[in-house]
Amino acid sequence: MRTTYEDIKDRISIDNPKLIALCGIMLSGKTTISIQMCEDLSYNKNLSVVMFSLEQSKSMIINKCKNRFSLLVHNRENLFWN
């Protein structure tokens, strides 16, 4: 079974500040869902977020964010130019 951020975002109450822990086995997408959650809360809901990982370094998380952003820009450009 695969769970995406879209599956769980309506179940997360953001009325009060809180710590959200994502747990799972290696390579299950915890960092990816965390990045999507941070993007949604910061861009769409205008909230400040802090993210840290016990498995990945700061540079690895930054690279994931950059790669994700470049894919979004690339896909948006393809929509306009194709």
C-alpha atoms as a PDB file:
ATOM      1  CA  MET A   1       0.000   0.000   0.000  1.00  0.00           C
ATOM      2  CA  ARG A   2       1.322   3.434  -0.899  1.00  0.00           C
ATOM      3  CA  THR A   3       0.289   6.533   1.022  1.00  0.00           C
ATOM      4  CA  THR A   4       0.838  10.008  -0.393  1.00  0.00           C
ATOM      5  CA  TYR A   5       0.640  13.402   1.246  1.00  0.00           C
ATOM      6  CA  GLU A   6      -2.628  13.998  -0.607  1.00  0.00           C
ATOM      7  CA  ASP A   7      -4.065  10.989   1.265  1.00  0.00           C
ATOM      8  CA  ILE A   8      -3.236  12.390   4.710  1.00  0.00           C
ATOM      9  CA  LYS A   9      -3.201  16.196   4.423  1.00  0.00           C
ATOM     10  CA  ASP A  10      -6.874  16.659   5.334  1.00  0.00           C
ATOM     11  CA  ARG A  11      -6.380  14.547   8.471  1.00  0.00           C
ATOM     12  CA  ILE A  12      -3.682  16.838   9.883  1.00  0.00           C
ATOM     13  CA  SER A  13      -5.077  19.585  12.072  1.00  0.00           C
ATOM     14  CA  ILE A  14      -2.922  22.711  11.966  1.00  0.00           C
ATOM     15  CA  ASP A  15      -4.947  24.778  14.427  1.00  0.00           C
ATOM     16  CA  ASN A  16      -2.300  24.472  17.155  1.00  0.00           C
ATOM     17  CA  PRO A  17       1.494  24.262  16.754  1.00  0.00           C
ATOM     18  CA  LYS A  18       2.617  20.666  17.002  1.00  0.00           C
ATOM     19  CA  LEU A  19       5.325  18.153  16.350  1.00  0.00           C
ATOM     20  CA  ILE A  20       4.467  15.598  13.682  1.00  0.00           C
ATOM     21  CA  ALA A  21       6.604  12.444  13.576  1.00  0.00           C
ATOM     22  CA  LEU A  22       6.649  10.264  10.469  1.00  0.00           C
ATOM     23  CA  CYS A  23       7.894   6.754  11.089  1.00  0.00           C
ATOM     24  CA  GLY A  24       8.573   3.971   8.644  1.00  0.00           C
ATOM     25  CA  ILE A  25      11.144   1.618   7.194  1.00  0.00           C
ATOM     26  CA  MET A  26      14.053   2.796   5.055  1.00  0.00           C
ATOM     27  CA  LEU A  27      13.171   4.056   1.564  1.00  0.00           C
ATOM     28  CA  SER A  28       9.471   4.354   2.379  1.00  0.00           C
ATOM     29  CA  GLY A  29       9.239   8.038   1.386  1.00  0.00           C
ATOM     30  CA  LYS A  30       9.242   9.711   4.797  1.00  0.00           C
ATOM     31  CA  THR A  31      11.465  12.596   3.658  1.00  0.00           C
ATOM     32  CA  THR A  32       9.474  13.095   0.456  1.00  0.00           C
ATOM     33  CA  ILE A  33       6.178  13.303   2.342  1.00  0.00           C
ATOM     34  CA  SER A  34       7.827  15.634   4.884  1.00  0.00           C
ATOM     35  CA  ILE A  35       8.989  17.963   2.103  1.00  0.00           C
ATOM     36  CA  GLN A  36       5.520  17.943   0.526  1.00  0.00           C
ATOM     37  CA  MET A  37       3.970  18.679   3.919  1.00  0.00           C
ATOM     38  CA  CYS A  38       6.359  21.575   4.545  1.00  0.00           C
ATOM     39  CA  GLU A  39       5.680  22.997   1.063  1.00  0.00           C
ATOM     40  CA  ASP A  40       1.919  22.798   1.535  1.00  0.00           C
ATOM     41  CA  LEU A  41       1.932  24.341   4.991  1.00  0.00           C
ATOM     42  CA  SER A  42       4.357  27.124   4.089  1.00  0.00           C
ATOM     43  CA  TYR A  43       3.114  28.084   0.616  1.00  0.00           C
ATOM     44  CA  ASN A  44      -0.591  27.310   0.726  1.00  0.00           C
ATOM     45  CA  LYS A  45      -1.348  27.956   4.396  1.00  0.00           C
ATOM     46  CA  ASN A  46       1.316  30.639   5.008  1.00  0.00           C
ATOM     47  CA  LEU A  47       2.726  28.894   8.100  1.00  0.00           C
ATOM     48  CA  SER A  48       6.318  28.672   9.280  1.00  0.00           C
ATOM     49  CA  VAL A  49       7.703  25.134   9.318  1.00  0.00           C
ATOM     50  CA  VAL A  50      10.833  23.428  10.581  1.00  0.00           C
ATOM     51  CA  MET A  51      11.986  20.074   9.256  1.00  0.00           C
ATOM     52  CA  PHE A  52      14.746  17.776  10.405  1.00  0.00           C
ATOM     53  CA  SER A  53      15.683  14.216   9.645  1.00  0.00           C
ATOM     54  CA  LEU A  54      17.585  11.659  11.648  1.00  0.00           C
ATOM     55  CA  GLU A  55      18.371   9.722   8.454  1.00  0.00           C
ATOM     56  CA  GLN A  56      19.457  12.371   5.950  1.00  0.00           C
ATOM     57  CA  SER A  57      21.886  15.247   6.131  1.00  0.00           C
ATOM     58  CA  LYS A  58      20.960  18.875   5.555  1.00  0.00           C
ATOM     59  CA  SER A  59      22.593  18.845   2.113  1.00  0.00           C
ATOM     60  CA  MET A  60      20.655  15.728   1.069  1.00  0.00           C
ATOM     61  CA  ILE A  61      17.351  17.354   2.074  1.00  0.00           C
ATOM     62  CA  ILE A  62      18.265  20.576   0.260  1.00  0.00           C
ATOM     63  CA  ASN A  63      19.122  18.578  -2.876  1.00  0.00           C
ATOM     64  CA  LYS A  64      15.764  16.779  -2.681  1.00  0.00           C
ATOM     65  CA  CYS A  65      14.008  20.145  -2.431  1.00  0.00           C
ATOM     66  CA  LYS A  66      15.968  21.540  -5.380  1.00  0.00           C
ATOM     67  CA  ASN A  67      15.258  18.447  -7.483  1.00  0.00           C
ATOM     68  CA  ARG A  68      11.572  18.591  -6.628  1.00  0.00           C
ATOM     69  CA  PHE A  69      11.409  22.301  -7.497  1.00  0.00           C
ATOM     70  CA  SER A  70      13.242  21.794 -10.801  1.00  0.00           C
ATOM     71  CA  LEU A  71      10.785  19.022 -11.752  1.00  0.00           C
ATOM     72  CA  LEU A  72       7.857  21.334 -10.969  1.00  0.00           C
ATOM     73  CA  VAL A  73       9.349  24.122 -13.111  1.00  0.00           C
ATOM     74  CA  HIS A  74      10.193  21.686 -15.911  1.00  0.00           C
ATOM     75  CA  ASN A  75       6.670  20.226 -15.924  1.00  0.00           C
ATOM     76  CA  ARG A  76       5.130  23.715 -15.888  1.00  0.00           C
ATOM     77  CA  GLU A  77       7.293  24.792 -18.857  1.00  0.00           C
ATOM     78  CA  ASN A  78       6.279  21.670 -20.779  1.00  0.00           C
ATOM     79  CA  LEU A  79       2.622  22.533 -20.211  1.00  0.00           C
ATOM     80  CA  PHE A  80       3.119  25.941 -21.794  1.00  0.00           C
ATOM     81  CA  TRP A  81       5.426  24.965 -24.639  1.00  0.00           C
ATOM     82  CA  ASN A  82       3.893  21.686 -25.824  1.00  0.00           C
END
